[in-house]
Amino acid sequence: MNILWDFDGTLFDTYPVYTKLMKQVLGPAFSEDEIYRQLKISFEHAFAVFDLTRQQMGFFLHCIGARRRYPSVRSPVLKKCSAQPTPTSL
């Protein structure tokens, strides 16, 4: 049996959620459109373009993991990510 798995972007586009999380990390310095364009290239590319610190990358990836484990936006884990101080000054 062959299984093709291409969930992100084909069946469900999670990039808008990723964009909002990255905006939390970056603050007002970049538009959501710019963030979205860079994330669509790759996360690594966006990290380099936006010159994220290790702590900012960790915060973003932690929240992405929470999003994958808890797809409901109302989940307590995502609320925790949203409630944490944004690491823009780190």
C-alpha atoms as a PDB file:
ATOM      1  CA  MET A   1       0.000   0.000   0.000  1.00  0.00           C
ATOM      2  CA  ASN A   2       1.310   3.451  -0.903  1.00  0.00           C
ATOM      3  CA  ILE A   3       0.273   6.486   1.102  1.00  0.00           C
ATOM      4  CA  LEU A   4       0.938  10.042   0.050  1.00  0.00           C
ATOM      5  CA  TRP A   5       0.871  12.530   2.915  1.00  0.00           C
ATOM      6  CA  ASP A   6       0.923  16.211   2.011  1.00  0.00           C
ATOM      7  CA  PHE A   7      -1.390  17.698   4.584  1.00  0.00           C
ATOM      8  CA  ASP A   8      -0.020  21.203   5.076  1.00  0.00           C
ATOM      9  CA  GLY A   9      -0.987  23.456   2.202  1.00  0.00           C
ATOM     10  CA  THR A  10      -2.946  20.878   0.242  1.00  0.00           C
ATOM     11  CA  LEU A  11      -5.788  19.773   2.471  1.00  0.00           C
ATOM     12  CA  PHE A  12      -5.473  22.459   5.108  1.00  0.00           C
ATOM     13  CA  ASP A  13      -3.381  25.630   5.037  1.00  0.00           C
ATOM     14  CA  THR A  14      -1.786  26.239   8.439  1.00  0.00           C
ATOM     15  CA  TYR A  15       0.446  29.081   7.259  1.00  0.00           C
ATOM     16  CA  PRO A  16      -1.982  31.786   8.455  1.00  0.00           C
ATOM     17  CA  VAL A  17      -1.631  30.407  12.002  1.00  0.00           C
ATOM     18  CA  TYR A  18       2.150  30.183  11.644  1.00  0.00           C
ATOM     19  CA  THR A  19       2.174  33.770  10.374  1.00  0.00           C
ATOM     20  CA  LYS A  20       0.276  35.021  13.417  1.00  0.00           C
ATOM     21  CA  LEU A  21       2.628  33.165  15.761  1.00  0.00           C
ATOM     22  CA  MET A  22       5.683  34.581  13.981  1.00  0.00           C
ATOM     23  CA  LYS A  23       4.132  38.069  14.161  1.00  0.00           C
ATOM     24  CA  GLN A  24       3.919  37.563  17.931  1.00  0.00           C
ATOM     25  CA  VAL A  25       7.641  36.854  17.985  1.00  0.00           C
ATOM     26  CA  LEU A  26       8.637  39.715  15.678  1.00  0.00           C
ATOM     27  CA  GLY A  27       6.293  42.426  16.878  1.00  0.00           C
ATOM     28  CA  PRO A  28       5.340  45.347  14.616  1.00  0.00           C
ATOM     29  CA  ALA A  29       8.588  45.464  12.622  1.00  0.00           C
ATOM     30  CA  PHE A  30       7.247  43.293   9.763  1.00  0.00           C
ATOM     31  CA  SER A  31       3.860  42.967   8.079  1.00  0.00           C
ATOM     32  CA  GLU A  32       1.932  39.708   8.137  1.00  0.00           C
ATOM     33  CA  ASP A  33       2.192  39.607   4.325  1.00  0.00           C
ATOM     34  CA  GLU A  34       6.002  39.737   4.491  1.00  0.00           C
ATOM     35  CA  ILE A  35       6.109  37.122   7.247  1.00  0.00           C
ATOM     36  CA  TYR A  36       3.778  34.835   5.268  1.00  0.00           C
ATOM     37  CA  ARG A  37       5.920  35.127   2.116  1.00  0.00           C
ATOM     38  CA  GLN A  38       9.117  34.263   3.973  1.00  0.00           C
ATOM     39  CA  LEU A  39       7.558  31.340   5.879  1.00  0.00           C
ATOM     40  CA  LYS A  40       6.257  29.878   2.605  1.00  0.00           C
ATOM     41  CA  ILE A  41       9.857  29.608   1.393  1.00  0.00           C
ATOM     42  CA  SER A  42      10.868  27.746   4.573  1.00  0.00           C
ATOM     43  CA  PHE A  43      11.007  28.214   8.316  1.00  0.00           C
ATOM     44  CA  GLU A  44      14.821  28.247   8.181  1.00  0.00           C
ATOM     45  CA  HIS A  45      14.735  30.953   5.518  1.00  0.00           C
ATOM     46  CA  ALA A  46      12.348  33.082   7.596  1.00  0.00           C
ATOM     47  CA  PHE A  47      14.508  32.627  10.710  1.00  0.00           C
ATOM     48  CA  ALA A  48      17.516  33.915   8.778  1.00  0.00           C
ATOM     49  CA  VAL A  49      15.695  36.798   7.058  1.00  0.00           C
ATOM     50  CA  PHE A  50      14.197  38.019  10.334  1.00  0.00           C
ATOM     51  CA  ASP A  51      17.439  37.332  12.237  1.00  0.00           C
ATOM     52  CA  LEU A  52      15.717  35.433  15.049  1.00  0.00           C
ATOM     53  CA  THR A  53      17.604  34.634  18.216  1.00  0.00           C
ATOM     54  CA  ARG A  54      17.739  31.082  19.469  1.00  0.00           C
ATOM     55  CA  GLN A  55      15.193  31.917  22.133  1.00  0.00           C
ATOM     56  CA  GLN A  56      12.795  33.427  19.572  1.00  0.00           C
ATOM     57  CA  MET A  57      13.137  30.332  17.373  1.00  0.00           C
ATOM     58  CA  GLY A  58      12.474  28.105  20.375  1.00  0.00           C
ATOM     59  CA  PHE A  59       9.360  30.065  21.332  1.00  0.00           C
ATOM     60  CA  PHE A  60       8.009  29.895  17.777  1.00  0.00           C
ATOM     61  CA  LEU A  61       8.722  26.174  17.400  1.00  0.00           C
ATOM     62  CA  HIS A  62       7.238  25.442  20.826  1.00  0.00           C
ATOM     63  CA  CYS A  63       4.015  27.169  19.780  1.00  0.00           C
ATOM     64  CA  ILE A  64       4.007  25.368  16.417  1.00  0.00           C
ATOM     65  CA  GLY A  65       4.284  22.070  18.275  1.00  0.00           C
ATOM     66  CA  ALA A  66       1.408  23.112  20.502  1.00  0.00           C
ATOM     67  CA  ARG A  67      -0.651  23.976  17.411  1.00  0.00           C
ATOM     68  CA  ARG A  68      -0.016  20.545  15.935  1.00  0.00           C
ATOM     69  CA  ARG A  69      -0.917  18.734  19.157  1.00  0.00           C
ATOM     70  CA  TYR A  70      -3.955  20.906  19.871  1.00  0.00           C
ATOM     71  CA  PRO A  71      -5.597  21.990  16.613  1.00  0.00           C
ATOM     72  CA  SER A  72      -8.298  23.971  18.403  1.00  0.00           C
ATOM     73  CA  VAL A  73      -7.270  27.625  18.701  1.00  0.00           C
ATOM     74  CA  ARG A  74      -8.976  27.640  22.106  1.00  0.00           C
ATOM     75  CA  SER A  75      -6.531  25.117  23.528  1.00  0.00           C
ATOM     76  CA  PRO A  76      -4.863  25.999  26.852  1.00  0.00           C
ATOM     77  CA  VAL A  77      -1.406  25.388  25.386  1.00  0.00           C
ATOM     78  CA  LEU A  78      -1.925  27.952  22.620  1.00  0.00           C
ATOM     79  CA  LYS A  79      -3.384  30.397  25.124  1.00  0.00           C
ATOM     80  CA  LYS A  80      -0.202  29.926  27.137  1.00  0.00           C
ATOM     81  CA  CYS A  81       1.890  30.737  24.030  1.00  0.00           C
ATOM     82  CA  SER A  82      -0.226  33.814  23.408  1.00  0.00           C
ATOM     83  CA  ALA A  83      -0.082  34.901  27.045  1.00  0.00           C
ATOM     84  CA  GLN A  84       3.694  34.637  27.324  1.00  0.00           C
ATOM     85  CA  PRO A  85       5.607  37.838  26.814  1.00  0.00           C
ATOM     86  CA  THR A  86       6.738  38.012  23.225  1.00  0.00           C
ATOM     87  CA  PRO A  87      10.482  37.502  22.924  1.00  0.00           C
ATOM     88  CA  THR A  88      10.990  40.422  20.528  1.00  0.00           C
ATOM     89  CA  SER A  89      13.496  42.068  22.845  1.00  0.00           C
ATOM     90  CA  LEU A  90      15.552  38.915  23.315  1.00  0.00           C
END
